[in-house]
Protein backbone atom coordinates (compact mmCIF):
# COMPACT_ATOMS: atom_id res chain seq x y z
CA MET A 1 147.48 113.86 -117.06
CA ALA A 2 150.75 115.73 -116.70
CA ASP A 3 152.55 117.06 -119.74
CA LEU A 4 154.95 114.56 -121.28
CA VAL A 5 158.56 115.59 -121.78
CA ARG A 6 160.85 113.87 -124.26
CA PHE A 7 164.53 113.46 -123.45
CA GLY A 8 167.44 111.56 -124.96
CA VAL A 9 169.60 108.93 -123.33
CA SER A 10 173.01 107.79 -124.53
CA ILE A 11 173.58 104.08 -123.93
CA ASN A 12 175.90 101.43 -125.39
CA ASP A 13 174.50 98.74 -127.70
CA GLY A 14 175.03 95.85 -125.30
CA LEU A 15 173.17 97.49 -122.45
CA LEU A 16 170.37 98.64 -124.76
CA ASN A 17 169.96 95.10 -126.14
CA LYS A 18 169.67 93.71 -122.59
CA PHE A 19 167.19 96.44 -121.73
CA ASP A 20 165.09 95.72 -124.82
CA LYS A 21 164.98 92.01 -123.90
CA MET A 22 163.79 92.95 -120.40
CA VAL A 23 161.12 95.23 -121.88
CA VAL A 24 159.75 92.29 -123.90
CA GLN A 25 160.08 89.74 -121.07
CA LYS A 26 158.21 91.94 -118.62
CA GLY A 27 155.53 92.81 -121.16
CA TYR A 28 156.04 96.57 -121.39
CA SER A 29 154.48 98.12 -124.46
CA ASN A 30 157.54 100.29 -125.07
CA ARG A 31 160.85 101.50 -123.63
CA SER A 32 159.29 104.66 -122.22
CA GLU A 33 156.92 102.73 -119.97
CA ALA A 34 159.79 100.55 -118.72
CA ILE A 35 161.94 103.61 -117.98
CA ARG A 36 159.05 105.30 -116.11
CA ASP A 37 158.64 102.14 -114.01
CA LEU A 38 162.36 102.02 -113.19
CA ILE A 39 162.29 105.68 -112.14
CA ARG A 40 159.22 105.10 -109.94
CA ASN A 41 160.92 102.12 -108.29
CA GLN A 42 163.91 104.27 -107.39
CA LEU A 43 161.67 107.03 -106.02
CA VAL A 44 159.81 104.49 -103.85
CA GLU A 45 163.10 103.16 -102.50
CA LEU A 46 164.06 106.72 -101.53
CA GLU A 47 160.79 107.01 -99.59
CA TRP A 48 161.70 103.88 -97.60
CA GLN A 49 164.93 105.50 -96.43
CA ASN A 50 163.06 108.31 -94.65
CA GLU A 51 161.75 106.82 -91.39
CA GLU A 52 159.23 109.68 -91.09
CA GLN A 53 157.73 109.09 -94.55
CA GLU A 54 154.23 107.63 -94.78
CA VAL A 55 154.20 104.45 -96.86
CA ALA A 56 151.98 101.45 -97.48
CA GLY A 57 152.90 97.81 -97.63
CA THR A 58 152.30 94.25 -96.55
CA ILE A 59 153.60 92.06 -93.77
CA THR A 60 153.49 88.41 -94.79
CA LEU A 61 153.82 85.62 -92.23
CA ILE A 62 154.01 81.84 -92.50
CA TYR A 63 153.52 80.05 -89.20
CA ASP A 64 152.56 76.81 -87.51
CA HIS A 65 149.25 77.49 -85.77
CA HIS A 66 149.83 74.51 -83.44
CA VAL A 67 152.59 76.36 -81.58
CA ARG A 68 151.13 77.01 -78.17
CA GLY A 69 150.09 80.62 -77.61
CA LEU A 70 151.30 81.78 -81.04
CA SER A 71 147.93 82.97 -82.36
CA LYS A 72 147.27 84.89 -79.14
CA GLN A 73 150.69 86.53 -79.23
CA LEU A 74 150.31 87.54 -82.89
CA LEU A 75 146.90 89.07 -82.13
CA GLU A 76 148.33 90.99 -79.18
CA VAL A 77 151.06 92.50 -81.37
CA GLN A 78 148.48 93.36 -84.04
CA HIS A 79 146.20 95.03 -81.51
CA GLY A 80 149.19 97.02 -80.27
CA CYS A 81 149.65 98.51 -83.73
CA HIS A 82 146.03 98.52 -84.88
CA ASP A 83 146.37 102.06 -86.22
CA LEU A 84 148.83 100.77 -88.87
CA ILE A 85 146.83 97.74 -90.01
CA LEU A 86 144.27 98.36 -92.76
CA SER A 87 143.26 94.74 -93.35
CA THR A 88 144.31 91.17 -92.68
CA MET A 89 143.88 87.93 -94.59
CA HIS A 90 144.38 84.53 -92.99
CA LEU A 91 144.70 81.36 -95.07
CA HIS A 92 145.15 77.73 -94.05
CA LEU A 93 147.84 76.33 -96.35
CA ASP A 94 147.68 72.81 -94.92
CA HIS A 95 147.09 71.06 -91.60
CA LEU A 96 150.00 72.85 -89.91
CA ASN A 97 150.82 76.01 -91.84
CA CYS A 98 148.99 79.31 -92.04
CA LEU A 99 149.65 82.30 -94.26
CA GLU A 100 148.73 85.69 -92.88
CA VAL A 101 148.98 88.90 -94.88
CA LEU A 102 148.54 92.28 -93.22
CA ALA A 103 148.01 95.39 -95.35
CA VAL A 104 149.61 98.31 -93.52
CA LYS A 105 149.96 102.07 -93.86
CA GLY A 106 151.96 104.44 -91.68
CA LEU A 107 155.42 105.82 -91.05
CA VAL A 108 158.33 103.69 -92.28
CA LYS A 109 159.80 103.38 -88.78
CA GLN A 110 156.50 102.26 -87.23
CA ILE A 111 155.79 99.70 -89.93
CA GLN A 112 159.31 98.28 -89.70
CA GLU A 113 158.97 97.95 -85.92
CA ALA A 114 155.57 96.24 -86.18
CA ALA A 115 156.87 93.84 -88.83
CA GLN A 116 159.90 92.93 -86.73
CA GLN A 117 157.72 92.29 -83.69
CA LEU A 118 155.50 89.94 -85.69
CA ILE A 119 158.29 88.17 -87.59
CA SER A 120 160.29 87.50 -84.43
CA VAL A 121 157.46 85.75 -82.56
CA ARG A 122 158.41 82.14 -81.74
CA GLY A 123 156.62 79.83 -84.18
CA VAL A 124 156.71 82.20 -87.15
CA LYS A 125 158.57 80.21 -89.80
CA HIS A 126 159.04 83.05 -92.26
CA GLY A 127 158.08 86.68 -92.48
CA ARG A 128 158.65 89.47 -94.92
CA LEU A 129 157.89 93.17 -94.99
CA THR A 130 157.21 94.64 -98.40
CA ILE A 131 157.01 98.41 -98.45
CA THR A 132 155.67 100.45 -101.31
CA SER A 133 154.50 104.01 -101.76
CA THR A 134 151.16 105.56 -100.97
CA GLY A 135 151.45 106.93 -104.52
CA ARG A 136 151.18 110.57 -103.49
CA ASN A 137 154.80 111.41 -104.33
CA LEU A 138 155.02 109.57 -107.65
CA GLY A 139 153.30 112.15 -109.82
């Protein structure tokens, strides 16, 4: 484990009270852990801004599997970016709706392009790309 460094922060009472409430609500054991998490979140967001940065994430799709040719088209897009896809999970939510989650890893730009191709397929009701870090740059 890396050496811990202590530092002071000046903050007004009102903001500190709101922060302390958030620490309790989110179940952090102390302020330090909450601050570390906030810093990590900002560092991950910086990674997303660099299109050449390797990141990990998920592409989540909700779609009607009865739409003609939809499953085939989604598979074709996935095969076209197979090098980015680590795993997929397909769930039947009800008679019409499917949930598909793709775990992905690759360059920001490539993952964003793959997600947009999948989300824009006719019959996809909702899609979302969630990008996170590979963890290598978070210390």
